[in-house]
N, C-alpha and C. Protein backbone atom coordinates (compact mmCIF):
# COMPACT_ATOMS: atom_id res chain seq x y z
N MET A 1 7.56 -23.34 28.98
CA MET A 1 8.72 -23.96 28.38
C MET A 1 9.10 -23.18 27.12
N VAL A 2 10.34 -22.95 26.89
CA VAL A 2 10.83 -22.23 25.72
C VAL A 2 10.80 -23.17 24.52
N ARG A 3 10.30 -22.65 23.37
CA ARG A 3 10.25 -23.45 22.15
C ARG A 3 11.41 -23.08 21.25
N LYS A 4 11.91 -24.07 20.57
CA LYS A 4 12.95 -23.83 19.59
C LYS A 4 12.28 -23.43 18.28
N ILE A 5 12.77 -22.38 17.66
CA ILE A 5 12.22 -21.96 16.37
C ILE A 5 13.30 -22.10 15.30
N ALA A 6 12.84 -22.23 14.07
CA ALA A 6 13.78 -22.37 12.96
C ALA A 6 14.54 -21.07 12.77
N ALA A 7 15.79 -21.19 12.42
CA ALA A 7 16.61 -20.00 12.16
C ALA A 7 16.06 -19.29 10.92
N PRO A 8 16.23 -17.98 10.84
CA PRO A 8 15.76 -17.27 9.65
C PRO A 8 16.44 -17.82 8.39
N LYS A 9 15.67 -17.86 7.33
CA LYS A 9 16.19 -18.36 6.06
C LYS A 9 16.84 -17.22 5.29
N GLU A 10 17.78 -17.56 4.43
CA GLU A 10 18.42 -16.57 3.58
C GLU A 10 17.40 -16.02 2.61
N ALA A 11 17.43 -14.72 2.39
CA ALA A 11 16.48 -14.08 1.49
C ALA A 11 17.18 -12.91 0.79
N TYR A 12 16.52 -12.40 -0.25
CA TYR A 12 17.04 -11.28 -1.02
C TYR A 12 16.01 -10.16 -0.97
N GLN A 13 16.49 -8.93 -0.80
CA GLN A 13 15.59 -7.80 -0.58
C GLN A 13 15.69 -6.78 -1.71
N CYS A 14 14.52 -6.35 -2.16
CA CYS A 14 14.44 -5.25 -3.13
C CYS A 14 14.77 -3.96 -2.38
N GLU A 15 15.72 -3.19 -2.90
CA GLU A 15 16.11 -1.96 -2.21
C GLU A 15 15.14 -0.82 -2.43
N LYS A 16 14.19 -0.97 -3.35
CA LYS A 16 13.20 0.08 -3.60
C LYS A 16 12.03 -0.01 -2.63
N CYS A 17 11.52 -1.22 -2.39
CA CYS A 17 10.31 -1.36 -1.57
C CYS A 17 10.54 -2.12 -0.26
N GLY A 18 11.66 -2.84 -0.16
CA GLY A 18 11.95 -3.57 1.06
C GLY A 18 11.39 -4.99 1.11
N ASN A 19 10.64 -5.41 0.10
CA ASN A 19 10.13 -6.78 0.09
C ASN A 19 11.28 -7.76 -0.01
N THR A 20 11.11 -8.91 0.64
CA THR A 20 12.13 -9.94 0.57
C THR A 20 11.61 -11.13 -0.24
N TYR A 21 12.53 -11.79 -0.91
CA TYR A 21 12.21 -12.92 -1.77
C TYR A 21 13.19 -14.06 -1.50
N PRO A 22 12.72 -15.30 -1.59
CA PRO A 22 13.62 -16.43 -1.34
C PRO A 22 14.62 -16.66 -2.46
N VAL A 23 14.34 -16.14 -3.65
CA VAL A 23 15.19 -16.35 -4.82
C VAL A 23 15.68 -14.99 -5.33
N MET A 24 16.99 -14.91 -5.64
CA MET A 24 17.57 -13.63 -6.08
C MET A 24 16.90 -13.10 -7.34
N GLU A 25 16.53 -13.97 -8.27
CA GLU A 25 15.92 -13.52 -9.52
C GLU A 25 14.61 -12.77 -9.27
N GLU A 26 13.83 -13.22 -8.28
CA GLU A 26 12.57 -12.54 -7.95
C GLU A 26 12.85 -11.15 -7.40
N ALA A 27 13.85 -11.04 -6.54
CA ALA A 27 14.21 -9.73 -5.97
C ALA A 27 14.73 -8.80 -7.07
N LEU A 28 15.53 -9.32 -7.99
CA LEU A 28 16.04 -8.51 -9.09
C LEU A 28 14.90 -8.05 -10.00
N ARG A 29 13.93 -8.92 -10.22
CA ARG A 29 12.76 -8.57 -11.04
C ARG A 29 11.97 -7.44 -10.38
N CYS A 30 11.78 -7.54 -9.08
CA CYS A 30 11.07 -6.51 -8.34
C CYS A 30 11.86 -5.20 -8.40
N GLU A 31 13.15 -5.28 -8.15
CA GLU A 31 13.98 -4.08 -8.12
C GLU A 31 14.07 -3.39 -9.49
N SER A 32 13.91 -4.16 -10.55
CA SER A 32 13.99 -3.56 -11.89
C SER A 32 12.69 -2.87 -12.30
N SER A 33 11.60 -3.07 -11.56
CA SER A 33 10.35 -2.41 -11.92
C SER A 33 10.38 -0.96 -11.43
N PRO A 34 9.72 -0.06 -12.17
CA PRO A 34 9.82 1.38 -11.88
C PRO A 34 9.09 1.80 -10.60
N VAL A 35 9.52 2.91 -10.07
CA VAL A 35 8.89 3.55 -8.92
C VAL A 35 8.51 4.96 -9.36
N THR A 36 7.27 5.36 -9.08
CA THR A 36 6.84 6.71 -9.45
C THR A 36 6.82 7.59 -8.20
N PRO A 37 7.01 8.88 -8.36
CA PRO A 37 6.96 9.79 -7.20
C PRO A 37 5.56 9.79 -6.59
N PHE A 38 5.50 10.03 -5.30
CA PHE A 38 4.21 10.11 -4.61
C PHE A 38 3.45 11.34 -5.09
N GLU A 39 2.16 11.17 -5.34
CA GLU A 39 1.32 12.28 -5.78
C GLU A 39 0.79 13.08 -4.59
N TYR A 40 0.61 12.42 -3.43
CA TYR A 40 0.02 13.07 -2.26
C TYR A 40 1.04 13.09 -1.12
N GLU A 41 0.97 14.16 -0.33
CA GLU A 41 1.88 14.34 0.80
C GLU A 41 1.17 13.94 2.09
N ILE A 42 1.96 13.62 3.12
CA ILE A 42 1.40 13.36 4.44
C ILE A 42 0.73 14.64 4.91
N GLY A 43 -0.50 14.54 5.38
CA GLY A 43 -1.27 15.71 5.81
C GLY A 43 -2.27 16.17 4.77
N ASP A 44 -2.14 15.72 3.52
CA ASP A 44 -3.12 16.08 2.49
C ASP A 44 -4.46 15.44 2.80
N THR A 45 -5.54 16.16 2.48
CA THR A 45 -6.89 15.61 2.58
C THR A 45 -7.29 15.14 1.18
N VAL A 46 -7.70 13.87 1.09
CA VAL A 46 -8.03 13.27 -0.20
C VAL A 46 -9.41 12.62 -0.12
N SER A 47 -9.98 12.35 -1.28
CA SER A 47 -11.25 11.61 -1.33
C SER A 47 -11.00 10.28 -2.03
N PHE A 48 -11.76 9.27 -1.61
CA PHE A 48 -11.62 7.93 -2.18
C PHE A 48 -12.92 7.16 -1.99
N GLY A 49 -13.14 6.20 -2.85
CA GLY A 49 -14.34 5.37 -2.75
C GLY A 49 -14.08 4.17 -1.88
N MET A 50 -15.13 3.72 -1.18
CA MET A 50 -14.99 2.56 -0.31
C MET A 50 -16.35 1.91 -0.11
N VAL A 51 -16.36 0.59 -0.07
CA VAL A 51 -17.59 -0.13 0.23
C VAL A 51 -17.62 -0.38 1.73
N ILE A 52 -18.66 0.09 2.37
CA ILE A 52 -18.82 -0.09 3.81
C ILE A 52 -19.91 -1.12 4.05
N ARG A 53 -19.68 -1.99 5.01
CA ARG A 53 -20.64 -3.05 5.33
C ARG A 53 -22.03 -2.46 5.54
N GLY A 54 -22.99 -3.04 4.88
CA GLY A 54 -24.36 -2.58 4.99
C GLY A 54 -24.76 -1.59 3.92
N ALA A 55 -23.79 -1.01 3.25
CA ALA A 55 -24.08 -0.07 2.17
C ALA A 55 -24.31 -0.85 0.88
N HIS A 56 -25.18 -0.36 0.03
CA HIS A 56 -25.49 -1.05 -1.21
C HIS A 56 -24.53 -0.74 -2.34
N SER A 57 -23.83 0.36 -2.23
CA SER A 57 -22.88 0.74 -3.27
C SER A 57 -21.73 1.49 -2.62
N PRO A 58 -20.62 1.64 -3.34
CA PRO A 58 -19.49 2.37 -2.76
C PRO A 58 -19.87 3.81 -2.43
N ILE A 59 -19.27 4.31 -1.37
CA ILE A 59 -19.48 5.71 -1.01
C ILE A 59 -18.15 6.44 -1.11
N VAL A 60 -18.20 7.74 -1.25
CA VAL A 60 -16.98 8.54 -1.33
C VAL A 60 -16.71 9.11 0.06
N LEU A 61 -15.49 8.87 0.53
CA LEU A 61 -15.08 9.36 1.85
C LEU A 61 -13.95 10.35 1.69
N LYS A 62 -13.78 11.19 2.70
CA LYS A 62 -12.65 12.12 2.75
C LYS A 62 -11.77 11.69 3.91
N GLY A 63 -10.46 11.83 3.73
CA GLY A 63 -9.55 11.48 4.81
C GLY A 63 -8.21 12.17 4.66
N MET A 64 -7.44 12.12 5.73
CA MET A 64 -6.12 12.73 5.75
C MET A 64 -5.05 11.65 5.63
N VAL A 65 -4.09 11.89 4.75
CA VAL A 65 -2.99 10.96 4.55
C VAL A 65 -2.11 10.99 5.80
N GLU A 66 -1.95 9.81 6.44
CA GLU A 66 -1.13 9.71 7.64
C GLU A 66 0.23 9.08 7.37
N ARG A 67 0.28 8.23 6.37
CA ARG A 67 1.52 7.50 6.08
C ARG A 67 1.50 7.10 4.61
N ARG A 68 2.66 6.89 4.03
CA ARG A 68 2.73 6.42 2.65
C ARG A 68 3.96 5.54 2.50
N TRP A 69 3.88 4.59 1.57
CA TRP A 69 5.00 3.69 1.34
C TRP A 69 4.89 3.09 -0.04
N ILE A 70 5.95 2.43 -0.46
CA ILE A 70 5.98 1.75 -1.75
C ILE A 70 5.69 0.28 -1.52
N ASN A 71 4.72 -0.24 -2.22
CA ASN A 71 4.36 -1.65 -2.11
C ASN A 71 4.92 -2.39 -3.31
N GLY A 72 5.65 -3.44 -3.07
CA GLY A 72 6.25 -4.20 -4.15
C GLY A 72 5.45 -5.40 -4.56
N LEU A 73 4.37 -5.69 -3.87
CA LEU A 73 3.55 -6.84 -4.24
C LEU A 73 2.74 -6.51 -5.48
N SER A 74 2.71 -7.42 -6.41
CA SER A 74 2.02 -7.19 -7.67
C SER A 74 0.51 -7.26 -7.50
N ARG A 75 -0.19 -6.32 -8.13
CA ARG A 75 -1.65 -6.39 -8.17
C ARG A 75 -2.10 -7.09 -9.44
N ASP A 76 -1.18 -7.38 -10.33
CA ASP A 76 -1.47 -8.08 -11.58
C ASP A 76 -0.33 -9.07 -11.78
N ASP A 77 -0.64 -10.35 -11.78
CA ASP A 77 0.40 -11.37 -11.84
C ASP A 77 1.32 -11.24 -13.04
N ASP A 78 0.84 -10.65 -14.12
CA ASP A 78 1.67 -10.51 -15.31
C ASP A 78 2.63 -9.32 -15.23
N LYS A 79 2.32 -8.36 -14.40
CA LYS A 79 3.12 -7.13 -14.36
C LYS A 79 3.53 -6.80 -12.93
N PRO A 80 4.68 -7.33 -12.49
CA PRO A 80 5.11 -6.94 -11.15
C PRO A 80 5.54 -5.47 -11.17
N THR A 81 4.91 -4.66 -10.40
CA THR A 81 5.22 -3.25 -10.39
C THR A 81 5.08 -2.69 -8.99
N HIS A 82 5.84 -1.68 -8.71
CA HIS A 82 5.72 -1.02 -7.42
C HIS A 82 4.51 -0.09 -7.45
N GLY A 83 3.83 0.02 -6.34
CA GLY A 83 2.68 0.90 -6.25
C GLY A 83 2.78 1.77 -5.01
N ASN A 84 2.39 3.01 -5.15
CA ASN A 84 2.36 3.92 -4.00
C ASN A 84 1.09 3.66 -3.20
N VAL A 85 1.26 3.46 -1.90
CA VAL A 85 0.14 3.14 -1.01
C VAL A 85 0.07 4.21 0.07
N TYR A 86 -1.16 4.54 0.45
CA TYR A 86 -1.39 5.57 1.46
C TYR A 86 -2.28 5.03 2.57
N LYS A 87 -1.91 5.36 3.80
CA LYS A 87 -2.78 5.09 4.95
C LYS A 87 -3.55 6.38 5.18
N VAL A 88 -4.89 6.29 5.09
CA VAL A 88 -5.75 7.46 5.18
C VAL A 88 -6.71 7.28 6.35
N ARG A 89 -6.78 8.28 7.24
CA ARG A 89 -7.76 8.28 8.35
C ARG A 89 -8.88 9.21 7.96
N THR A 90 -10.10 8.66 7.94
CA THR A 90 -11.24 9.45 7.46
C THR A 90 -11.59 10.58 8.42
N VAL A 91 -12.21 11.60 7.84
CA VAL A 91 -12.69 12.75 8.60
C VAL A 91 -14.17 12.92 8.27
N GLY A 92 -14.89 13.66 9.09
CA GLY A 92 -16.31 13.89 8.83
C GLY A 92 -17.18 12.84 9.49
N THR A 93 -18.23 12.38 8.77
CA THR A 93 -19.22 11.48 9.36
C THR A 93 -18.65 10.11 9.75
N ASN A 94 -17.65 9.64 9.04
CA ASN A 94 -17.03 8.34 9.36
C ASN A 94 -15.67 8.54 10.01
N LYS A 95 -15.55 9.55 10.85
CA LYS A 95 -14.27 9.94 11.44
C LYS A 95 -13.60 8.76 12.14
N GLY A 96 -12.30 8.62 11.85
CA GLY A 96 -11.50 7.61 12.54
C GLY A 96 -11.31 6.32 11.79
N LEU A 97 -12.09 6.07 10.75
CA LEU A 97 -11.93 4.87 9.95
C LEU A 97 -10.60 4.94 9.22
N ILE A 98 -9.85 3.85 9.23
CA ILE A 98 -8.54 3.83 8.57
C ILE A 98 -8.62 2.97 7.33
N ALA A 99 -8.11 3.50 6.23
CA ALA A 99 -8.09 2.76 4.97
C ALA A 99 -6.69 2.85 4.37
N CYS A 100 -6.27 1.76 3.74
CA CYS A 100 -5.03 1.76 2.97
C CYS A 100 -5.43 1.67 1.52
N ARG A 101 -4.98 2.63 0.71
CA ARG A 101 -5.39 2.71 -0.68
C ARG A 101 -4.18 2.93 -1.59
N PHE A 102 -4.20 2.22 -2.74
CA PHE A 102 -3.21 2.49 -3.77
C PHE A 102 -3.50 3.87 -4.35
N GLU A 103 -2.46 4.51 -4.86
CA GLU A 103 -2.60 5.87 -5.39
C GLU A 103 -3.68 5.97 -6.47
N ASP A 104 -3.76 4.97 -7.34
CA ASP A 104 -4.77 5.06 -8.40
C ASP A 104 -6.19 4.78 -7.91
N ASP A 105 -6.34 4.41 -6.63
CA ASP A 105 -7.67 4.24 -6.05
C ASP A 105 -8.17 5.51 -5.37
N ILE A 106 -7.29 6.51 -5.26
CA ILE A 106 -7.67 7.78 -4.66
C ILE A 106 -8.23 8.69 -5.75
N ILE A 107 -9.39 9.28 -5.47
CA ILE A 107 -10.06 10.12 -6.47
C ILE A 107 -9.29 11.42 -6.68
N GLY A 108 -8.84 12.04 -5.59
CA GLY A 108 -8.09 13.27 -5.74
C GLY A 108 -7.95 14.01 -4.42
N LYS A 109 -7.23 15.11 -4.49
CA LYS A 109 -7.01 15.97 -3.33
C LYS A 109 -8.24 16.85 -3.14
N VAL A 110 -8.62 17.06 -1.89
CA VAL A 110 -9.78 17.89 -1.57
C VAL A 110 -9.32 19.29 -1.23
């Protein structure tokens, strides 16, 4: 049987990151926060720390940047800011593991 679903609600979208908000003021607040250029390119090999289940402390992994985007969700409730995020596929001993990391969580280019 086909179910009836609620019609989409009106929302406002930040043109920098694409996030939508139910209130225009929230979207304007997001849109007014700065965007920084990406530090890493798609195809770059980078290193980053990660806690893996069973490990006692974070380990450093290497991976290749597969995708990047701007995230408009705040990591600090007091400072809504856009953050550069990277999808990284690991190489080497943990080959194939996928991690999404903010730019400031990446140690550097290898």
